[in-house]
């Protein structure tokens, strides 16, 4: 969305408020002033934001998050025109702090919902294009790990919550199958204990060699690795969407959230989803577009056979 605005209005000054983790991925994007909002600081994060914008005035605020935290934070940003979501999507009090809204969309992907803000500014080219600069050293790091001529499956196994992760023995079965097809298998992700534990379990279950890079890459190094990959396998997690920005096909695993809303945007045709089944069991009727299914074992509904079907499909498409 930001880069769509930049394409149409290259002289426009843009300030982007974002979290400190996201900043590490996006900080090299040119012609954007970044202001970090560190939510871990509690109430001080709001004070710091207010001080960052003291004495400034903006023509337009794009209020693109519906969390109450974002609504409160927006009060620190002085802007004449304050654009938020349409009334149906403007949750958590967002509608109280905005004076314009984007066009309503009945069942949007999150990305399409964001692009509505660019459209509200008169942007006409809303095609999704990404250009996330990666330092040369990080690209070289990825190139030393992955040869461009080899087939590589990158498994990013962990979401932010354990219940959204697939089972380690099932990841292992896919890794073993990929190895029989001539793929190297890399495990990638962040340094959290959850991710480290899951990666270890996958290694223990897997009879084929897997290379564990969990917690061993920066975000931009991971982005460079995802670009080098042939296929990425992941649940609803950040690296799946990072892979989309690099043009790498993603097999997304979904049970709790609607992949039509949060799935890997350019790989929705490869998603393996137990979401409709889970929603039918829990509600037995149509539900609002963003409804989440709940339960600690929903990902068990996704079978190895379903995932292998998509993997084989991609293997044939990319290496026929």
Protein backbone atom coordinates (compact mmCIF):
# COMPACT_ATOMS: atom_id res chain seq x y z
CA UNK A 1 0.00 0.00 0.00
CA UNK A 2 2.83 2.40 0.89
CA UNK A 3 4.69 1.64 -2.30
CA UNK A 4 1.50 2.00 -4.37
CA UNK A 5 1.22 5.53 -2.97
CA UNK A 6 4.89 6.19 -3.72
CA UNK A 7 4.48 5.09 -7.34
CA UNK A 8 1.71 7.64 -7.92
CA UNK A 9 2.98 10.42 -5.64
CA UNK A 10 6.79 10.05 -5.59
CA UNK A 11 7.32 13.42 -3.86
CA UNK A 12 4.92 12.71 -1.02
CA UNK A 13 6.46 12.62 2.45
CA UNK A 14 5.44 9.47 4.31
CA UNK A 15 5.84 8.69 8.00
CA UNK A 16 5.13 5.11 9.08
CA UNK A 17 4.43 4.12 12.70
CA UNK A 18 5.26 0.46 13.26
CA UNK A 19 6.56 -2.05 15.79
CA UNK A 20 10.24 -2.60 16.46
CA UNK A 21 10.27 -6.13 15.01
CA UNK A 22 8.59 -5.04 11.77
CA UNK A 23 11.03 -2.15 11.54
CA UNK A 24 13.94 -4.59 11.28
CA UNK A 25 12.41 -6.00 8.10
CA UNK A 26 11.27 -2.76 6.47
CA UNK A 27 13.81 -0.17 7.60
CA UNK A 28 15.65 -0.10 4.24
CA UNK A 29 12.58 1.02 2.25
CA UNK A 30 13.56 4.40 0.78
CA UNK A 31 11.81 7.73 1.29
CA UNK A 32 9.91 6.70 4.39
CA UNK A 33 10.43 8.10 7.89
CA UNK A 34 9.88 5.33 10.43
CA UNK A 35 8.65 5.94 13.97
CA UNK A 36 8.87 2.89 16.23
CA UNK A 37 5.98 2.16 18.60
CA UNK A 38 7.32 -0.23 21.24
CA UNK A 39 4.24 -1.72 22.89
CA UNK A 40 6.41 -3.56 25.43
CA UNK A 41 6.98 -0.22 27.17
CA UNK A 42 3.33 -0.02 28.24
CA UNK A 43 1.97 3.47 28.81
CA UNK A 44 5.40 4.99 28.09
CA UNK A 45 5.05 3.90 24.46
CA UNK A 46 2.17 6.36 24.07
CA UNK A 47 4.13 9.14 25.76
CA UNK A 48 7.10 8.51 23.48
CA UNK A 49 4.84 8.58 20.43
CA UNK A 50 3.30 11.87 21.53
CA UNK A 51 6.76 13.37 21.97
CA UNK A 52 7.83 12.11 18.54
CA UNK A 53 5.02 14.05 16.87
CA UNK A 54 5.00 17.12 19.10
CA UNK A 55 4.88 20.24 16.95
CA UNK A 56 4.22 18.34 13.72
CA UNK A 57 1.12 18.37 11.55
CA UNK A 58 0.11 15.89 8.88
CA UNK A 59 -2.32 16.32 6.01
CA UNK A 60 -3.61 12.76 6.26
CA UNK A 61 -3.53 9.92 8.78
CA UNK A 62 -4.18 6.42 7.44
CA UNK A 63 -5.53 4.53 10.47
CA UNK A 64 -5.05 0.98 9.20
CA UNK A 65 -5.24 -1.06 12.42
CA UNK A 66 -8.40 -1.77 14.39
CA UNK A 67 -6.79 -2.76 17.70
CA UNK A 68 -7.69 -0.50 20.63
CA UNK A 69 -3.97 0.10 21.15
CA UNK A 70 -3.73 1.61 17.67
CA UNK A 71 -6.80 3.77 18.23
CA UNK A 72 -5.30 5.22 21.41
CA UNK A 73 -1.92 5.69 19.72
CA UNK A 74 -3.54 7.56 16.83
CA UNK A 75 -4.54 10.33 19.23
CA UNK A 76 -0.87 11.32 19.38
CA UNK A 77 -0.79 11.97 15.64
CA UNK A 78 -2.10 15.42 14.61
CA UNK A 79 -3.78 15.18 11.21
CA UNK A 80 -6.61 17.11 9.57
CA UNK A 81 -7.93 14.18 7.54
CA UNK A 82 -8.11 10.90 9.46
CA UNK A 83 -9.05 7.93 7.28
CA UNK A 84 -10.23 4.68 8.84
CA UNK A 85 -12.15 1.60 7.80
CA UNK A 86 -15.82 1.72 6.88
CA UNK A 87 -18.22 1.54 9.82
CA UNK A 88 -18.63 -2.24 9.69
CA UNK A 89 -14.87 -2.86 9.91
CA UNK A 90 -13.97 0.07 12.19
CA UNK A 91 -13.86 -1.94 15.40
CA UNK A 92 -12.25 -1.21 18.77
CA UNK A 93 -13.48 2.39 18.69
CA UNK A 94 -11.62 3.28 15.50
CA UNK A 95 -14.63 5.14 14.10
CA UNK A 96 -14.45 7.55 17.06
CA UNK A 97 -11.05 8.95 16.00
CA UNK A 98 -11.50 9.15 12.21
CA UNK A 99 -13.45 11.56 10.01
CA UNK A 100 -13.23 9.75 6.65
CA UNK A 101 -13.49 6.09 5.72
CA UNK A 102 -12.50 3.75 2.92
CA UNK A 103 -15.04 2.09 0.65
CA UNK A 104 -16.71 -0.97 2.17
CA UNK A 105 -15.68 -4.38 0.84
CA UNK A 106 -17.86 -7.40 1.52
CA UNK A 107 -15.23 -10.13 1.97
CA UNK A 108 -11.74 -8.70 1.53
CA UNK A 109 -8.32 -10.20 1.94
CA UNK A 110 -6.41 -8.10 4.46
CA UNK A 111 -4.17 -6.80 1.66
CA UNK A 112 -7.17 -5.68 -0.38
CA UNK A 113 -8.55 -3.96 2.70
CA UNK A 114 -5.30 -2.05 3.09
CA UNK A 115 -5.23 -1.11 -0.58
CA UNK A 116 -8.54 0.65 0.00
CA UNK A 117 -6.56 3.34 1.82
CA UNK A 118 -4.39 3.98 -1.23
CA UNK A 119 -7.54 4.14 -3.35
CA UNK A 120 -8.99 6.72 -0.95
CA UNK A 121 -5.99 8.93 -1.77
CA UNK A 122 -6.64 8.65 -5.50
CA UNK A 123 -4.11 5.92 -6.26
CA UNK A 124 -5.17 4.11 -9.44
CA UNK A 125 -2.55 1.33 -9.71
CA UNK A 126 -3.53 -1.00 -6.88
CA UNK A 127 -1.71 -4.06 -8.18
CA UNK A 128 0.26 -5.72 -5.36
CA UNK A 129 3.96 -5.12 -5.86
CA UNK A 130 6.67 -5.41 -3.23
CA UNK A 131 10.19 -4.05 -3.17
CA UNK A 132 11.72 -4.71 0.23
CA UNK A 133 15.42 -3.83 0.00
CA UNK A 134 17.81 -6.43 1.42
CA UNK A 135 21.40 -5.53 2.31
CA UNK A 136 23.91 -7.11 -0.04
CA UNK A 137 25.54 -8.99 2.84
CA UNK A 138 22.24 -10.70 3.65
CA UNK A 139 21.70 -11.69 0.02
CA UNK A 140 25.23 -13.14 -0.06
CA UNK A 141 24.44 -15.01 3.18
CA UNK A 142 21.43 -16.67 1.52
CA UNK A 143 23.42 -17.44 -1.62
CA UNK A 144 26.07 -19.25 0.40
CA UNK A 145 23.37 -21.50 1.88
CA UNK A 146 21.20 -22.10 -1.19
CA UNK A 147 22.47 -22.66 -4.70
CA UNK A 148 20.05 -21.16 -7.25
CA UNK A 149 20.05 -24.43 -9.22
CA UNK A 150 18.98 -26.71 -6.39
CA UNK A 151 15.49 -27.54 -5.20
CA UNK A 152 14.82 -26.30 -1.67
CA UNK A 153 11.80 -26.70 0.60
CA UNK A 154 11.77 -24.16 3.43
CA UNK A 155 9.53 -25.11 6.34
CA UNK A 156 8.64 -22.22 8.65
CA UNK A 157 6.71 -24.40 11.10
CA UNK A 158 5.65 -22.05 13.88
CA UNK A 159 2.91 -19.46 14.21
CA UNK A 160 2.70 -17.05 17.14
CA UNK A 161 0.48 -19.46 19.07
CA UNK A 162 1.15 -23.18 19.48
CA UNK A 163 -2.42 -24.17 18.62
CA UNK A 164 -1.92 -22.82 15.08
CA UNK A 165 1.07 -25.08 14.43
CA UNK A 166 0.85 -28.32 12.51
CA UNK A 167 2.11 -31.53 14.12
CA UNK A 168 5.90 -32.13 14.07
CA UNK A 169 5.58 -35.71 12.81
CA UNK A 170 3.50 -34.49 9.87
CA UNK A 171 6.02 -31.81 8.98
CA UNK A 172 8.60 -34.61 9.11
CA UNK A 173 6.61 -36.78 6.67
CA UNK A 174 6.50 -33.90 4.17
CA UNK A 175 10.24 -33.32 4.63
CA UNK A 176 10.94 -37.01 3.96
CA UNK A 177 8.80 -36.93 0.83
CA UNK A 178 10.52 -33.77 -0.40
CA UNK A 179 13.90 -35.44 0.11
CA UNK A 180 12.85 -38.33 -2.15
CA UNK A 181 12.09 -35.71 -4.80
CA UNK A 182 15.59 -34.27 -4.56
CA UNK A 183 14.87 -31.32 -2.27
CA UNK A 184 17.00 -29.95 0.49
CA UNK A 185 14.84 -29.14 3.50
CA UNK A 186 15.53 -26.09 5.68
CA UNK A 187 13.74 -25.25 8.92
CA UNK A 188 13.53 -21.47 9.35
CA UNK A 189 12.01 -19.11 11.88
CA UNK A 190 12.63 -16.95 14.91
CA UNK A 191 14.51 -17.59 18.16
CA UNK A 192 11.57 -18.18 20.51
CA UNK A 193 11.45 -21.26 22.73
CA UNK A 194 8.27 -22.38 20.96
CA UNK A 195 10.00 -22.38 17.59
CA UNK A 196 13.17 -24.00 18.88
CA UNK A 197 11.19 -26.79 20.53
CA UNK A 198 9.05 -27.46 17.48
CA UNK A 199 12.10 -27.58 15.21
CA UNK A 200 13.77 -30.09 17.52
CA UNK A 201 10.67 -32.27 17.47
CA UNK A 202 10.59 -32.21 13.68
CA UNK A 203 14.23 -33.25 13.54
CA UNK A 204 13.59 -36.10 15.99
CA UNK A 205 10.68 -37.38 13.88
CA UNK A 206 12.36 -37.06 10.51
CA UNK A 207 14.40 -39.84 8.91
CA UNK A 208 15.61 -37.56 6.13
CA UNK A 209 18.22 -34.84 6.69
CA UNK A 210 16.86 -31.42 7.61
CA UNK A 211 18.92 -28.31 8.24
CA UNK A 212 17.82 -26.36 11.28
CA UNK A 213 18.24 -22.59 10.85
CA UNK A 214 15.63 -21.66 13.47
CA UNK A 215 16.77 -18.53 15.27
CA UNK A 216 19.93 -18.27 13.19
CA UNK A 217 18.85 -15.55 10.74
CA UNK A 218 17.87 -11.93 10.91
CA UNK A 219 14.59 -10.95 9.26
CA UNK A 220 16.32 -9.68 6.15
CA UNK A 221 18.49 -12.81 5.97
CA UNK A 222 15.32 -14.89 6.24
CA UNK A 223 13.71 -12.80 3.50
CA UNK A 224 16.71 -13.49 1.25
CA UNK A 225 16.48 -17.22 2.00
CA UNK A 226 12.77 -17.28 1.20
CA UNK A 227 13.56 -15.72 -2.16
CA UNK A 228 16.01 -18.54 -2.89
CA UNK A 229 13.53 -21.27 -1.89
CA UNK A 230 11.55 -23.36 -4.36
CA UNK A 231 8.58 -23.87 -2.03
CA UNK A 232 7.67 -22.65 1.44
CA UNK A 233 5.47 -24.63 3.85
CA UNK A 234 4.02 -22.68 6.78
CA UNK A 235 0.95 -22.09 8.92
CA UNK A 236 -0.55 -18.61 9.33
CA UNK A 237 2.70 -16.88 10.19
CA UNK A 238 4.81 -13.92 9.10
CA UNK A 239 7.36 -15.79 6.96
CA UNK A 240 4.55 -17.14 4.75
CA UNK A 241 3.65 -13.58 3.80
CA UNK A 242 7.32 -12.62 3.50
CA UNK A 243 7.72 -15.40 0.94
CA UNK A 244 4.83 -13.94 -1.05
CA UNK A 245 6.73 -10.66 -1.38
CA UNK A 246 9.62 -12.59 -2.91
CA UNK A 247 7.53 -14.42 -5.49
CA UNK A 248 8.02 -17.82 -3.84
CA UNK A 249 5.02 -20.19 -3.80
CA UNK A 250 3.64 -21.00 -0.36
CA UNK A 251 1.66 -23.96 0.91
CA UNK A 252 -0.33 -22.34 3.72
CA UNK A 253 -1.85 -24.44 6.51
CA UNK A 254 -5.05 -22.98 7.98
CA UNK A 255 -7.65 -24.08 10.50
CA UNK A 256 -8.29 -21.18 12.89
CA UNK A 257 -8.55 -18.23 10.50
CA UNK A 258 -10.12 -17.78 7.09
CA UNK A 259 -7.39 -18.14 4.44
CA UNK A 260 -9.50 -16.04 2.10
CA UNK A 261 -8.81 -13.19 4.50
CA UNK A 262 -5.28 -13.90 5.79
CA UNK A 263 -3.83 -16.54 3.46
CA UNK A 264 -0.64 -16.07 1.40
CA UNK A 265 -1.99 -13.61 -1.16
CA UNK A 266 -0.49 -14.99 -4.35
CA UNK A 267 -0.68 -18.66 -3.29
CA UNK A 268 -4.27 -19.03 -2.14
CA UNK A 269 -4.71 -21.87 -4.65
CA UNK A 270 -2.14 -23.94 -2.71
CA UNK A 271 -3.64 -23.46 0.76
CA UNK A 272 -4.67 -26.56 2.70
CA UNK A 273 -7.54 -25.46 4.90
CA UNK A 274 -9.55 -27.14 7.65
CA UNK A 275 -11.22 -23.81 8.41
CA UNK A 276 -14.61 -24.52 6.76
CA UNK A 277 -14.89 -27.83 8.60
CA UNK A 278 -13.97 -26.24 11.93
CA UNK A 279 -16.47 -23.40 11.45
CA UNK A 280 -19.23 -25.83 10.49
CA UNK A 281 -18.58 -27.92 13.60
CA UNK A 282 -18.50 -24.91 15.92
CA UNK A 283 -21.25 -22.73 14.45
CA UNK A 284 -23.20 -24.85 11.98
CA UNK A 285 -24.03 -21.78 9.90
CA UNK A 286 -22.56 -18.90 7.99
CA UNK A 287 -20.43 -16.60 10.12
CA UNK A 288 -18.94 -13.12 9.66
CA UNK A 289 -15.94 -13.05 7.30
CA UNK A 290 -13.29 -12.59 9.98
CA UNK A 291 -14.60 -15.15 12.47
CA UNK A 292 -11.94 -17.35 14.06
CA UNK A 293 -12.42 -21.00 14.88
CA UNK A 294 -11.25 -21.98 18.35
CA UNK A 295 -9.65 -25.12 19.67
CA UNK A 296 -6.27 -26.59 20.56
CA UNK A 297 -6.43 -29.47 18.07
CA UNK A 298 -7.90 -27.98 14.89
CA UNK A 299 -4.65 -28.28 12.93
CA UNK A 300 -4.87 -32.05 13.34
CA UNK A 301 -7.65 -31.95 10.75
CA UNK A 302 -5.03 -31.20 8.07
CA UNK A 303 -3.68 -34.48 6.71
CA UNK A 304 -0.26 -35.26 5.31
CA UNK A 305 -1.89 -36.48 2.11
CA UNK A 306 -3.57 -33.11 1.50
CA UNK A 307 -0.28 -31.27 1.93
CA UNK A 308 1.64 -33.70 -0.28
CA UNK A 309 -0.95 -33.21 -3.00
CA UNK A 310 -0.19 -29.49 -3.08
CA UNK A 311 3.56 -30.09 -2.80
CA UNK A 312 3.53 -32.49 -5.75
CA UNK A 313 1.43 -30.03 -7.71
CA UNK A 314 3.96 -27.26 -7.13
CA UNK A 315 6.88 -29.58 -7.83
CA UNK A 316 5.43 -30.43 -11.24
CA UNK A 317 4.68 -26.78 -12.04
CA UNK A 318 8.09 -25.43 -11.08
CA UNK A 319 10.33 -28.29 -12.23
CA UNK A 320 8.55 -29.88 -15.18
